[in-house]
Protein backbone atom coordinates (compact mmCIF):
# COMPACT_ATOMS: atom_id res chain seq x y z
CA MET A 1 -10.25 -12.87 -5.49
CA LYS A 2 -13.62 -11.13 -5.19
CA TYR A 3 -14.65 -8.18 -7.10
CA GLU A 4 -17.44 -5.55 -5.82
CA THR A 5 -19.02 -4.41 -9.04
CA THR A 6 -20.94 -1.09 -9.85
CA PRO A 7 -22.04 0.43 -13.33
CA THR A 8 -18.77 2.25 -13.86
CA LEU A 9 -16.30 0.21 -11.33
CA SER A 10 -14.98 -3.07 -10.51
CA LEU A 11 -12.83 -3.43 -7.20
CA PRO A 12 -11.41 -6.13 -5.23
CA LYS A 13 -12.78 -7.05 -2.15
CA ILE A 14 -10.03 -6.29 0.03
CA GLY A 15 -7.23 -3.77 -1.26
CA PHE A 16 -3.86 -3.08 1.06
CA GLY A 17 -4.51 0.44 3.17
CA THR A 18 -0.94 2.19 3.31
CA TRP A 19 -1.64 4.55 6.59
CA LYS A 20 2.05 4.35 8.22
CA ILE A 21 3.75 3.48 5.44
CA GLY A 22 6.85 5.56 5.00
CA GLY A 23 5.50 7.12 8.15
CA ASN A 24 2.84 8.73 10.10
CA SER A 25 2.20 12.15 9.04
CA HIS A 26 5.77 12.77 8.44
CA PRO A 27 8.21 10.83 6.48
CA ASN A 28 10.55 8.25 8.35
CA PRO A 29 13.30 7.34 6.18
CA LEU A 30 13.72 4.57 9.28
CA VAL A 31 10.56 2.24 8.15
CA ASP A 32 11.41 2.60 4.27
CA LYS A 33 12.54 -0.99 4.16
CA LYS A 34 9.92 -2.57 6.18
CA SER A 35 7.41 -0.52 4.21
CA LEU A 36 8.93 -1.64 1.04
CA ALA A 37 8.75 -5.17 1.83
CA ALA A 38 5.37 -5.22 2.85
CA LEU A 39 4.40 -3.49 -0.40
CA ARG A 40 6.16 -5.81 -2.43
CA SER A 41 4.83 -8.51 -0.23
CA ALA A 42 1.32 -7.08 -1.19
CA LEU A 43 2.12 -6.98 -4.65
CA GLU A 44 3.90 -10.49 -4.86
CA LEU A 45 0.45 -11.99 -2.77
CA GLY A 46 -1.72 -10.67 -5.47
CA TYR A 47 -3.16 -7.42 -4.32
CA THR A 48 -4.19 -5.14 -7.23
CA HIS A 49 -5.69 -2.11 -5.21
CA PHE A 50 -3.64 0.41 -3.13
CA ASP A 51 -5.08 3.15 -1.52
CA THR A 52 -2.50 6.38 -0.39
CA ALA A 53 -3.23 9.87 0.57
CA GLU A 54 -0.79 13.00 0.07
CA MET A 55 -1.12 13.12 3.86
CA TYR A 56 0.28 9.80 4.55
CA ALA A 57 4.28 10.35 5.76
CA ASN A 58 3.96 13.89 3.83
CA GLY A 59 3.49 12.59 0.77
CA HIS A 60 6.59 9.79 1.18
CA CYS A 61 3.75 6.95 1.19
CA GLU A 62 2.92 7.64 -2.69
CA GLU A 63 6.57 7.78 -3.39
CA LEU A 64 7.26 4.39 -1.76
CA VAL A 65 3.68 2.61 -3.64
CA GLY A 66 5.04 4.35 -6.68
CA GLN A 67 8.39 2.39 -6.54
CA ALA A 68 7.05 -0.61 -5.27
CA VAL A 69 4.73 -0.68 -8.64
CA ARG A 70 7.28 0.02 -10.69
CA GLU A 71 9.86 -2.43 -9.69
CA SER A 72 6.80 -5.16 -9.21
CA GLY A 73 7.11 -5.17 -13.06
CA LYS A 74 3.72 -5.43 -13.73
CA PRO A 75 1.99 -3.35 -16.05
CA ARG A 76 0.17 0.12 -14.76
CA GLU A 77 -3.19 -0.77 -16.22
CA GLU A 78 -3.00 -4.01 -13.69
CA VAL A 79 -2.22 -1.82 -10.38
CA PHE A 80 -4.89 0.41 -9.28
CA ILE A 81 -3.86 3.29 -6.84
CA THR A 82 -6.45 5.35 -4.80
CA SER A 83 -4.91 8.68 -3.43
CA LYS A 84 -6.71 11.63 -1.46
CA VAL A 85 -6.60 15.42 -1.67
CA THR A 86 -5.94 17.05 2.11
CA PRO A 87 -8.66 19.64 3.39
CA SER A 88 -6.15 22.16 2.96
CA HIS A 89 -6.50 21.64 -0.89
CA LEU A 90 -9.16 21.85 -1.58
CA ARG A 91 -9.75 25.33 -3.38
CA TYR A 92 -9.55 25.06 -7.01
CA ASP A 93 -5.78 25.94 -7.60
CA ASP A 94 -4.84 24.24 -5.41
CA VAL A 95 -6.72 20.90 -6.14
CA LEU A 96 -4.95 20.60 -9.62
CA LYS A 97 -1.58 21.24 -7.89
CA ALA A 98 -1.81 19.09 -5.24
CA CYS A 99 -2.93 16.18 -8.16
CA GLU A 100 0.39 17.18 -10.10
CA ARG A 101 2.42 16.07 -6.99
CA SER A 102 0.79 13.36 -6.38
CA LEU A 103 1.10 12.27 -10.21
CA SER A 104 4.63 12.99 -9.63
CA ARG A 105 5.62 11.33 -6.45
CA LEU A 106 3.64 8.32 -8.11
CA GLN A 107 5.70 8.61 -11.40
CA THR A 108 2.27 7.84 -12.98
CA ASP A 109 0.39 9.63 -15.81
CA TYR A 110 -3.03 9.26 -13.88
CA ILE A 111 -4.67 8.09 -10.33
CA ASP A 112 -7.01 5.56 -10.92
CA LEU A 113 -9.15 6.87 -8.11
CA TYR A 114 -9.05 10.33 -6.55
CA LEU A 115 -10.26 11.37 -3.17
CA ILE A 116 -11.69 14.10 -0.85
CA HIS A 117 -9.86 13.24 2.49
CA TRP A 118 -11.77 14.81 4.78
CA PRO A 119 -14.31 17.47 4.47
CA SER A 120 -13.45 21.21 5.57
CA ALA A 121 -15.92 23.45 7.08
CA GLY A 122 -15.52 26.48 4.87
CA VAL A 123 -14.99 25.04 1.63
CA LYS A 124 -16.51 25.83 -1.32
CA TYR A 125 -17.13 22.10 -3.21
CA GLU A 126 -18.48 24.15 -6.17
CA ASP A 127 -14.87 25.42 -6.65
CA THR A 128 -13.35 22.15 -5.05
CA PHE A 129 -15.70 19.99 -7.54
CA LYS A 130 -14.91 22.24 -10.67
CA ALA A 131 -11.14 20.85 -9.86
CA LEU A 132 -12.11 17.52 -9.77
CA ASN A 133 -13.81 17.23 -12.86
CA LYS A 134 -11.32 19.23 -14.81
CA LEU A 135 -9.17 16.58 -13.54
CA ILE A 136 -11.40 13.80 -14.83
CA ARG A 137 -11.85 15.80 -18.24
CA ASP A 138 -7.82 15.76 -18.50
CA GLY A 139 -7.01 12.27 -17.92
CA LYS A 140 -5.35 12.93 -15.37
CA VAL A 141 -8.15 11.13 -13.11
CA LYS A 142 -10.03 7.90 -13.67
CA HIS A 143 -12.93 8.45 -11.30
CA LEU A 144 -13.80 10.33 -8.31
CA GLY A 145 -15.18 9.65 -4.32
CA VAL A 146 -14.96 10.90 -0.91
CA SER A 147 -13.98 9.95 2.44
CA ASN A 148 -15.26 10.44 6.02
CA PHE A 149 -18.58 12.48 4.19
CA ASP A 150 -21.45 12.15 6.13
CA LEU A 151 -24.78 11.44 4.23
CA PRO A 152 -25.93 15.14 3.09
CA LEU A 153 -21.79 15.99 1.76
CA LEU A 154 -22.22 12.68 0.12
CA LYS A 155 -25.50 13.68 -1.50
CA LYS A 156 -23.57 17.48 -2.32
CA ALA A 157 -20.62 15.48 -4.27
CA GLN A 158 -22.60 13.49 -6.23
CA ALA A 159 -24.77 16.84 -7.33
CA LEU A 160 -21.42 18.50 -7.84
CA SER A 161 -19.64 15.72 -9.47
CA GLU A 162 -19.55 15.44 -13.45
CA THR A 163 -19.25 11.26 -13.77
CA PRO A 164 -20.60 8.86 -10.40
CA ILE A 165 -19.07 9.32 -7.13
CA ALA A 166 -17.25 5.87 -6.87
CA THR A 167 -16.74 5.28 -3.38
CA ASN A 168 -16.91 7.16 0.50
CA GLN A 169 -13.81 5.86 2.28
CA VAL A 170 -14.89 6.30 5.60
CA PRO A 171 -14.42 3.66 9.26
CA PHE A 172 -16.24 0.58 9.56
CA SER A 173 -15.54 -2.60 11.83
CA ILE A 174 -17.46 -4.80 14.01
CA SER A 175 -17.33 -2.40 17.01
CA ASP A 176 -17.45 0.89 14.60
CA ARG A 177 -20.84 1.11 12.78
CA SER A 178 -21.49 4.87 12.94
CA TYR A 179 -21.74 5.30 9.25
CA ALA A 180 -24.02 2.38 9.29
CA LYS A 181 -25.73 4.03 12.30
CA ASN A 182 -25.89 7.28 9.72
CA GLY A 183 -27.16 6.02 7.07
CA VAL A 184 -24.26 6.50 4.74
CA LEU A 185 -24.12 2.32 4.30
CA GLU A 186 -27.24 1.90 3.59
CA TYR A 187 -27.38 4.50 0.80
CA CYS A 188 -24.27 3.48 -0.68
CA GLN A 189 -25.82 0.08 -0.91
CA LYS A 190 -28.84 1.51 -2.76
CA ASN A 191 -26.93 3.70 -5.02
CA ASN A 192 -24.02 2.07 -6.39
CA ILE A 193 -21.46 3.73 -4.49
CA LEU A 194 -18.69 1.39 -3.00
CA PHE A 195 -19.07 1.51 0.80
CA THR A 196 -14.86 1.18 1.84
CA ALA A 197 -14.08 0.08 4.93
CA TYR A 198 -11.09 1.41 6.49
CA SER A 199 -9.46 0.10 10.14
CA PRO A 200 -11.24 -2.72 9.78
CA VAL A 201 -9.59 -4.90 12.21
CA GLU A 202 -9.48 -1.70 14.58
CA GLU A 203 -5.51 -1.36 13.88
CA GLY A 204 -4.79 -5.03 15.15
CA ASN A 205 -6.82 -3.93 18.05
CA LEU A 206 -10.03 -5.95 17.63
CA ARG A 207 -10.69 -7.68 20.82
CA ALA A 208 -11.25 -11.41 21.35
CA ASN A 209 -14.42 -12.76 22.12
CA LYS A 210 -15.79 -16.31 22.70
CA THR A 211 -18.41 -15.67 20.12
CA LEU A 212 -15.84 -14.29 17.54
CA GLU A 213 -13.18 -17.53 18.48
CA ALA A 214 -15.93 -19.77 18.24
CA ILE A 215 -16.77 -18.49 14.70
CA ALA A 216 -13.04 -18.56 13.87
CA LYS A 217 -12.22 -22.21 14.80
CA ALA A 218 -15.30 -23.06 12.79
CA HIS A 219 -13.86 -21.62 9.37
CA HIS A 220 -10.10 -22.85 10.40
CA ALA A 221 -9.10 -18.98 10.40
CA THR A 222 -8.47 -16.22 12.98
CA ILE A 223 -11.22 -13.62 14.38
CA PHE A 224 -9.29 -10.73 12.09
CA GLN A 225 -10.15 -12.71 9.26
CA ILE A 226 -13.34 -13.49 10.88
CA ALA A 227 -13.51 -9.37 10.98
CA LEU A 228 -12.11 -9.27 7.09
CA ALA A 229 -15.54 -11.57 6.47
CA TRP A 230 -18.63 -9.94 8.06
CA ILE A 231 -17.46 -6.65 6.10
CA THR A 232 -16.66 -8.50 3.01
CA ASN A 233 -19.61 -10.45 3.02
CA GLN A 234 -21.57 -7.94 2.81
CA PRO A 235 -23.07 -5.87 -0.54
CA ARG A 236 -21.28 -2.89 -1.78
CA VAL A 237 -18.75 -2.98 0.83
CA ILE A 238 -15.02 -3.36 0.38
CA THR A 239 -11.99 -2.93 2.60
CA ILE A 240 -8.30 -1.65 2.72
CA PRO A 241 -6.69 -3.55 5.45
CA MET A 242 -2.73 -3.02 6.17
CA SER A 243 -0.07 -4.48 7.93
CA PHE A 244 3.45 -4.94 7.79
CA ASN A 245 4.15 -8.65 8.84
CA PRO A 246 3.87 -10.69 5.92
CA VAL A 247 1.45 -13.25 7.42
CA HIS A 248 -1.22 -10.97 8.31
CA ILE A 249 -1.05 -9.58 4.78
CA ARG A 250 -1.75 -13.35 3.48
CA GLU A 251 -3.99 -13.75 5.68
CA ASN A 252 -5.84 -10.35 5.32
CA LEU A 253 -6.18 -11.43 1.40
CA GLU A 254 -7.71 -15.04 2.03
CA ALA A 255 -10.35 -13.60 4.56
CA VAL A 256 -12.62 -13.17 1.08
CA ARG A 257 -12.70 -16.65 0.83
CA VAL A 258 -14.60 -16.82 4.08
CA GLU A 259 -18.28 -17.03 3.47
CA LEU A 260 -20.28 -16.76 6.97
CA SER A 261 -23.84 -18.01 7.05
CA PRO A 262 -26.98 -15.23 7.29
CA ASP A 263 -26.77 -16.64 11.21
CA GLU A 264 -22.93 -16.13 11.58
CA MET A 265 -23.62 -12.41 9.93
CA GLU A 266 -26.06 -11.93 12.18
CA THR A 267 -24.45 -13.60 15.36
CA ILE A 268 -21.42 -10.48 14.68
CA GLU A 269 -24.04 -7.83 14.11
CA LYS A 270 -25.01 -8.39 17.36
CA ILE A 271 -21.37 -8.23 18.96
CA GLY A 272 -21.28 -4.74 18.32
CA LYS A 273 -24.64 -3.79 19.79
């Protein structure tokens, strides 16, 4: 596995996203079996970064992630867990309570990386970060980050955080370059902030075209692996694809081995334009 390393953090280029594990916005026990199977498959294949959130299946996703990690027998320090606080829980006391609930559902003493899931209008981020900074000092969270923050908000987060902002997690794919166009990608690359791409293959809806297919054929890869490789070949960029399919879970992890040439990178870059 390849890693992206900053002065404060090192994370694998490809982690495992968990949106839809355990349900969507609400718990769905009917998908528990396949959710746990997907998590177990990822752990067995060697994924070490798992990204979840209290919003996912209203907390049930965190429960399943915690269960799968415990059942794997892997030492806690060998699995990196990211979770997120929802926009409705950004007041000081609410942040602290939300984190305690996440810790309880995950059944762990600490969260490796804790993110503000979405910005929220009217929130006093001074209070939010007062709580987040306390969580760091108390050892309940190891690193702080944000998600879906534009450049002005990202800079504000940096100013309010007592520790370096580890990442900004945003949508990023061949066809979605919004956070490259608004300057966030370049800023992260220049300021040692990991740029975490979610929905990297557009939830499996990536459309094939002759260019992608030709590059995939040249590398004996799928178009989805090429889409992931295009992301992971960029500096300071990591990604968290998700799948219930064990074949796709393996293929996603193996995409990091695909080395695209500068010409291929440029060719793919033009597809989105």
